[in-house]
Amino acid sequence: MPVKRKSPGAKAKRRTTYWSARVTRESDALDLDQGVFGYRDPKRIARSLKTSAERSKRRKAAPLQSAMSMLNFYINRAGRNLPAARKKTLAQAKVELRKLFGRA
């Protein structure tokens, strides 16, 4: 019996998984609320990050540093795919986060 071979251009379908999505879900730094970066209100994002950072027993740094680095991580990983309005909201969330921690 002849062996049936795939055509040279055929590739197996692969599910694309991103390490950054796993980090956002399973980070040792914080246990984030579901969809925290999707909130439209920067104050709500900042409050949620602050609460998560203060509650976490697994973080290795101060709460402000943990919360800010998770926010920066999200902004940096989204990169060019992040709309200008969303970038503005997340930048404002940074300002609000500093205010909540008394570092404004």
N, C-alpha and C. Protein backbone atom coordinates (compact mmCIF):
# COMPACT_ATOMS: atom_id res chain seq x y z
N MET A 1 0.82 -1.18 0.00
CA MET A 1 0.00 0.00 0.00
C MET A 1 0.87 1.25 0.00
N PRO A 2 0.55 2.20 -0.85
CA PRO A 2 1.31 3.45 -0.85
C PRO A 2 0.97 4.30 0.37
N VAL A 3 1.96 5.03 0.84
CA VAL A 3 1.79 5.91 2.00
C VAL A 3 1.24 7.25 1.52
N LYS A 4 0.19 7.68 2.15
CA LYS A 4 -0.42 8.95 1.77
C LYS A 4 0.35 10.08 2.47
N ARG A 5 0.82 11.01 1.68
CA ARG A 5 1.61 12.12 2.23
C ARG A 5 0.86 13.42 2.09
N LYS A 6 1.16 14.30 3.01
CA LYS A 6 0.56 15.65 2.96
C LYS A 6 1.25 16.45 1.88
N SER A 7 0.52 17.36 1.31
CA SER A 7 1.15 18.23 0.32
C SER A 7 2.17 19.11 1.01
N PRO A 8 3.21 19.54 0.29
CA PRO A 8 4.29 20.31 0.92
C PRO A 8 3.82 21.61 1.57
N GLY A 9 2.75 22.21 1.07
CA GLY A 9 2.28 23.48 1.62
C GLY A 9 1.32 23.32 2.79
N ALA A 10 0.88 22.12 3.07
CA ALA A 10 -0.10 21.90 4.14
C ALA A 10 0.59 21.92 5.50
N LYS A 11 -0.01 22.65 6.40
CA LYS A 11 0.52 22.70 7.76
C LYS A 11 -0.58 22.26 8.72
N ALA A 12 -0.17 21.65 9.80
CA ALA A 12 -1.14 21.26 10.81
C ALA A 12 -1.65 22.52 11.50
N LYS A 13 -2.95 22.54 11.80
CA LYS A 13 -3.50 23.70 12.51
C LYS A 13 -2.97 23.67 13.93
N ARG A 14 -2.49 24.83 14.35
CA ARG A 14 -1.96 24.94 15.70
C ARG A 14 -2.70 26.02 16.44
N ARG A 15 -3.02 25.76 17.64
CA ARG A 15 -3.66 26.78 18.45
C ARG A 15 -2.58 27.71 18.96
N THR A 16 -2.78 29.01 18.76
CA THR A 16 -1.79 29.98 19.18
C THR A 16 -2.02 30.31 20.65
N THR A 17 -0.99 30.13 21.45
CA THR A 17 -1.07 30.51 22.85
C THR A 17 0.06 31.49 23.13
N TYR A 18 -0.23 32.45 23.96
CA TYR A 18 0.75 33.48 24.25
C TYR A 18 1.20 33.38 25.70
N TRP A 19 2.49 33.44 25.91
CA TRP A 19 3.02 33.37 27.27
C TRP A 19 2.53 34.55 28.09
N SER A 20 2.32 35.70 27.45
CA SER A 20 1.90 36.88 28.19
C SER A 20 0.48 36.71 28.74
N ALA A 21 -0.37 35.99 28.04
CA ALA A 21 -1.73 35.72 28.55
C ALA A 21 -1.65 34.84 29.79
N ARG A 22 -0.74 33.88 29.76
CA ARG A 22 -0.58 33.01 30.93
C ARG A 22 -0.06 33.79 32.13
N VAL A 23 0.88 34.69 31.88
CA VAL A 23 1.41 35.52 32.97
C VAL A 23 0.30 36.37 33.59
N THR A 24 -0.54 36.96 32.75
CA THR A 24 -1.63 37.79 33.26
C THR A 24 -2.58 36.96 34.12
N ARG A 25 -2.84 35.72 33.70
CA ARG A 25 -3.76 34.86 34.44
C ARG A 25 -3.15 34.27 35.70
N GLU A 26 -1.89 33.82 35.62
CA GLU A 26 -1.31 33.00 36.67
C GLU A 26 -0.13 33.64 37.38
N SER A 27 0.00 34.94 37.32
CA SER A 27 1.15 35.62 37.89
C SER A 27 1.30 35.35 39.38
N ASP A 28 2.54 35.20 39.82
CA ASP A 28 2.79 35.07 41.25
C ASP A 28 2.65 36.41 41.97
N ALA A 29 2.71 37.47 41.21
CA ALA A 29 2.67 38.80 41.83
C ALA A 29 1.27 39.13 42.36
N LEU A 30 0.25 38.90 41.55
CA LEU A 30 -1.10 39.32 41.94
C LEU A 30 -2.15 38.33 41.48
N ASP A 31 -3.25 38.27 42.22
CA ASP A 31 -4.44 37.56 41.79
C ASP A 31 -5.41 38.63 41.31
N LEU A 32 -5.45 38.83 40.00
CA LEU A 32 -6.25 39.92 39.42
C LEU A 32 -7.72 39.55 39.28
N ASP A 33 -8.58 40.57 39.36
CA ASP A 33 -9.99 40.38 39.06
C ASP A 33 -10.12 40.06 37.57
N GLN A 34 -11.11 39.26 37.24
CA GLN A 34 -11.35 38.92 35.84
C GLN A 34 -11.67 40.18 35.03
N GLY A 35 -10.95 40.41 33.95
CA GLY A 35 -11.23 41.53 33.06
C GLY A 35 -10.86 42.89 33.59
N VAL A 36 -9.94 42.96 34.54
CA VAL A 36 -9.58 44.23 35.16
C VAL A 36 -9.07 45.25 34.13
N PHE A 37 -8.36 44.79 33.12
CA PHE A 37 -7.80 45.72 32.14
C PHE A 37 -8.82 46.13 31.09
N GLY A 38 -9.99 45.55 31.16
CA GLY A 38 -11.06 45.91 30.23
C GLY A 38 -11.97 47.00 30.78
N TYR A 39 -11.81 47.33 32.06
CA TYR A 39 -12.66 48.38 32.65
C TYR A 39 -12.43 49.70 31.92
N ARG A 40 -13.47 50.50 31.82
CA ARG A 40 -13.36 51.80 31.14
C ARG A 40 -12.94 52.93 32.07
N ASP A 41 -13.16 52.73 33.36
CA ASP A 41 -12.87 53.78 34.34
C ASP A 41 -11.47 53.56 34.93
N PRO A 42 -10.55 54.53 34.75
CA PRO A 42 -9.19 54.37 35.27
C PRO A 42 -9.15 54.22 36.80
N LYS A 43 -10.07 54.89 37.48
CA LYS A 43 -10.10 54.78 38.95
C LYS A 43 -10.47 53.36 39.37
N ARG A 44 -11.37 52.75 38.63
CA ARG A 44 -11.79 51.38 38.94
C ARG A 44 -10.63 50.41 38.70
N ILE A 45 -9.89 50.61 37.63
CA ILE A 45 -8.72 49.78 37.34
C ILE A 45 -7.72 49.91 38.47
N ALA A 46 -7.44 51.15 38.87
CA ALA A 46 -6.45 51.41 39.93
C ALA A 46 -6.89 50.80 41.26
N ARG A 47 -8.17 50.96 41.61
CA ARG A 47 -8.67 50.39 42.87
C ARG A 47 -8.55 48.87 42.87
N SER A 48 -8.89 48.26 41.74
CA SER A 48 -8.83 46.81 41.64
C SER A 48 -7.39 46.32 41.77
N LEU A 49 -6.46 46.99 41.09
CA LEU A 49 -5.05 46.61 41.18
C LEU A 49 -4.51 46.80 42.60
N LYS A 50 -4.90 47.89 43.23
CA LYS A 50 -4.45 48.15 44.60
C LYS A 50 -4.95 47.07 45.55
N THR A 51 -6.23 46.75 45.45
CA THR A 51 -6.82 45.71 46.30
C THR A 51 -6.11 44.38 46.09
N SER A 52 -5.90 44.02 44.83
CA SER A 52 -5.23 42.75 44.51
C SER A 52 -3.80 42.73 45.06
N ALA A 53 -3.10 43.84 44.92
CA ALA A 53 -1.71 43.91 45.38
C ALA A 53 -1.62 43.82 46.90
N GLU A 54 -2.54 44.47 47.59
CA GLU A 54 -2.50 44.44 49.06
C GLU A 54 -2.94 43.09 49.61
N ARG A 55 -3.83 42.41 48.91
CA ARG A 55 -4.33 41.12 49.36
C ARG A 55 -3.36 39.98 49.10
N SER A 56 -2.54 40.12 48.07
CA SER A 56 -1.68 39.03 47.64
C SER A 56 -0.61 38.69 48.69
N LYS A 57 -0.49 37.40 48.93
CA LYS A 57 0.55 36.91 49.85
C LYS A 57 1.77 36.42 49.07
N ARG A 58 1.63 36.33 47.74
CA ARG A 58 2.69 35.76 46.92
C ARG A 58 3.59 36.80 46.29
N ARG A 59 3.26 38.07 46.42
CA ARG A 59 4.06 39.09 45.75
C ARG A 59 5.43 39.20 46.42
N LYS A 60 6.40 39.63 45.64
CA LYS A 60 7.77 39.72 46.14
C LYS A 60 8.19 41.16 46.41
N ALA A 61 7.41 42.12 45.92
CA ALA A 61 7.76 43.53 46.07
C ALA A 61 6.65 44.24 46.84
N ALA A 62 6.82 45.54 47.01
CA ALA A 62 5.80 46.35 47.68
C ALA A 62 4.52 46.36 46.84
N PRO A 63 3.37 46.60 47.47
CA PRO A 63 2.09 46.58 46.72
C PRO A 63 2.06 47.54 45.54
N LEU A 64 2.56 48.77 45.72
CA LEU A 64 2.56 49.72 44.61
C LEU A 64 3.39 49.20 43.44
N GLN A 65 4.55 48.68 43.74
CA GLN A 65 5.44 48.19 42.69
C GLN A 65 4.81 47.00 41.96
N SER A 66 4.17 46.10 42.70
CA SER A 66 3.53 44.95 42.08
C SER A 66 2.38 45.37 41.17
N ALA A 67 1.54 46.27 41.67
CA ALA A 67 0.39 46.73 40.88
C ALA A 67 0.84 47.49 39.64
N MET A 68 1.82 48.37 39.81
CA MET A 68 2.30 49.17 38.69
C MET A 68 2.98 48.28 37.65
N SER A 69 3.75 47.30 38.09
CA SER A 69 4.43 46.46 37.11
C SER A 69 3.44 45.59 36.34
N MET A 70 2.35 45.17 36.96
CA MET A 70 1.35 44.39 36.22
C MET A 70 0.65 45.27 35.19
N LEU A 71 0.38 46.51 35.55
CA LEU A 71 -0.25 47.45 34.62
C LEU A 71 0.71 47.75 33.45
N ASN A 72 1.96 48.01 33.75
CA ASN A 72 2.96 48.26 32.70
C ASN A 72 3.14 47.04 31.81
N PHE A 73 3.14 45.88 32.42
CA PHE A 73 3.27 44.64 31.65
C PHE A 73 2.14 44.53 30.63
N TYR A 74 0.92 44.80 31.07
CA TYR A 74 -0.22 44.72 30.15
C TYR A 74 -0.08 45.73 29.01
N ILE A 75 0.28 46.95 29.36
CA ILE A 75 0.43 48.00 28.34
C ILE A 75 1.52 47.63 27.34
N ASN A 76 2.65 47.15 27.83
CA ASN A 76 3.77 46.80 26.96
C ASN A 76 3.46 45.60 26.07
N ARG A 77 2.76 44.61 26.59
CA ARG A 77 2.46 43.42 25.80
C ARG A 77 1.42 43.72 24.74
N ALA A 78 0.49 44.65 25.00
CA ALA A 78 -0.53 44.99 24.01
C ALA A 78 0.10 45.76 22.86
N GLY A 79 1.07 46.58 23.15
CA GLY A 79 1.85 47.28 22.13
C GLY A 79 1.04 48.08 21.14
N ARG A 80 1.33 47.87 19.87
CA ARG A 80 0.67 48.64 18.81
C ARG A 80 -0.80 48.29 18.65
N ASN A 81 -1.21 47.16 19.17
CA ASN A 81 -2.61 46.74 19.04
C ASN A 81 -3.54 47.49 19.98
N LEU A 82 -2.99 48.27 20.87
CA LEU A 82 -3.79 49.00 21.84
C LEU A 82 -4.23 50.33 21.25
N PRO A 83 -5.54 50.56 21.16
CA PRO A 83 -6.03 51.83 20.61
C PRO A 83 -5.61 53.01 21.49
N ALA A 84 -5.53 54.20 20.89
CA ALA A 84 -5.08 55.39 21.60
C ALA A 84 -5.97 55.70 22.80
N ALA A 85 -7.27 55.53 22.66
CA ALA A 85 -8.19 55.81 23.76
C ALA A 85 -7.92 54.86 24.93
N ARG A 86 -7.61 53.60 24.63
CA ARG A 86 -7.33 52.61 25.68
C ARG A 86 -6.01 52.94 26.37
N LYS A 87 -4.99 53.34 25.58
CA LYS A 87 -3.71 53.74 26.15
C LYS A 87 -3.88 54.90 27.12
N LYS A 88 -4.72 55.85 26.72
CA LYS A 88 -4.97 57.02 27.55
C LYS A 88 -5.62 56.60 28.87
N THR A 89 -6.59 55.71 28.80
CA THR A 89 -7.27 55.21 30.01
C THR A 89 -6.28 54.51 30.93
N LEU A 90 -5.43 53.67 30.36
CA LEU A 90 -4.47 52.92 31.18
C LEU A 90 -3.38 53.83 31.75
N ALA A 91 -2.99 54.86 31.00
CA ALA A 91 -2.03 55.84 31.52
C ALA A 91 -2.64 56.60 32.68
N GLN A 92 -3.92 56.92 32.56
CA GLN A 92 -4.61 57.62 33.66
C GLN A 92 -4.74 56.69 34.87
N ALA A 93 -4.89 55.39 34.62
CA ALA A 93 -4.95 54.42 35.72
C ALA A 93 -3.63 54.41 36.50
N LYS A 94 -2.51 54.62 35.81
CA LYS A 94 -1.22 54.72 36.50
C LYS A 94 -1.21 55.90 37.46
N VAL A 95 -1.70 57.04 36.97
CA VAL A 95 -1.76 58.25 37.79
C VAL A 95 -2.64 58.00 39.02
N GLU A 96 -3.80 57.38 38.79
CA GLU A 96 -4.73 57.09 39.88
C GLU A 96 -4.12 56.11 40.88
N LEU A 97 -3.38 55.14 40.38
CA LEU A 97 -2.73 54.16 41.25
C LEU A 97 -1.72 54.85 42.17
N ARG A 98 -0.94 55.76 41.62
CA ARG A 98 0.00 56.52 42.45
C ARG A 98 -0.73 57.34 43.51
N LYS A 99 -1.85 57.93 43.13
CA LYS A 99 -2.64 58.74 44.09
C LYS A 99 -3.16 57.85 45.22
N LEU A 100 -3.66 56.66 44.87
CA LEU A 100 -4.21 55.75 45.88
C LEU A 100 -3.15 55.31 46.90
N PHE A 101 -1.90 55.22 46.43
CA PHE A 101 -0.81 54.83 47.32
C PHE A 101 -0.11 56.03 47.95
N GLY A 102 -0.63 57.23 47.70
CA GLY A 102 -0.05 58.43 48.30
C GLY A 102 1.27 58.82 47.68
N ARG A 103 1.48 58.53 46.42
CA ARG A 103 2.74 58.84 45.75
C ARG A 103 2.55 59.84 44.59
N ALA A 104 1.44 60.56 44.61
CA ALA A 104 1.13 61.46 43.49
C ALA A 104 2.02 62.69 43.47
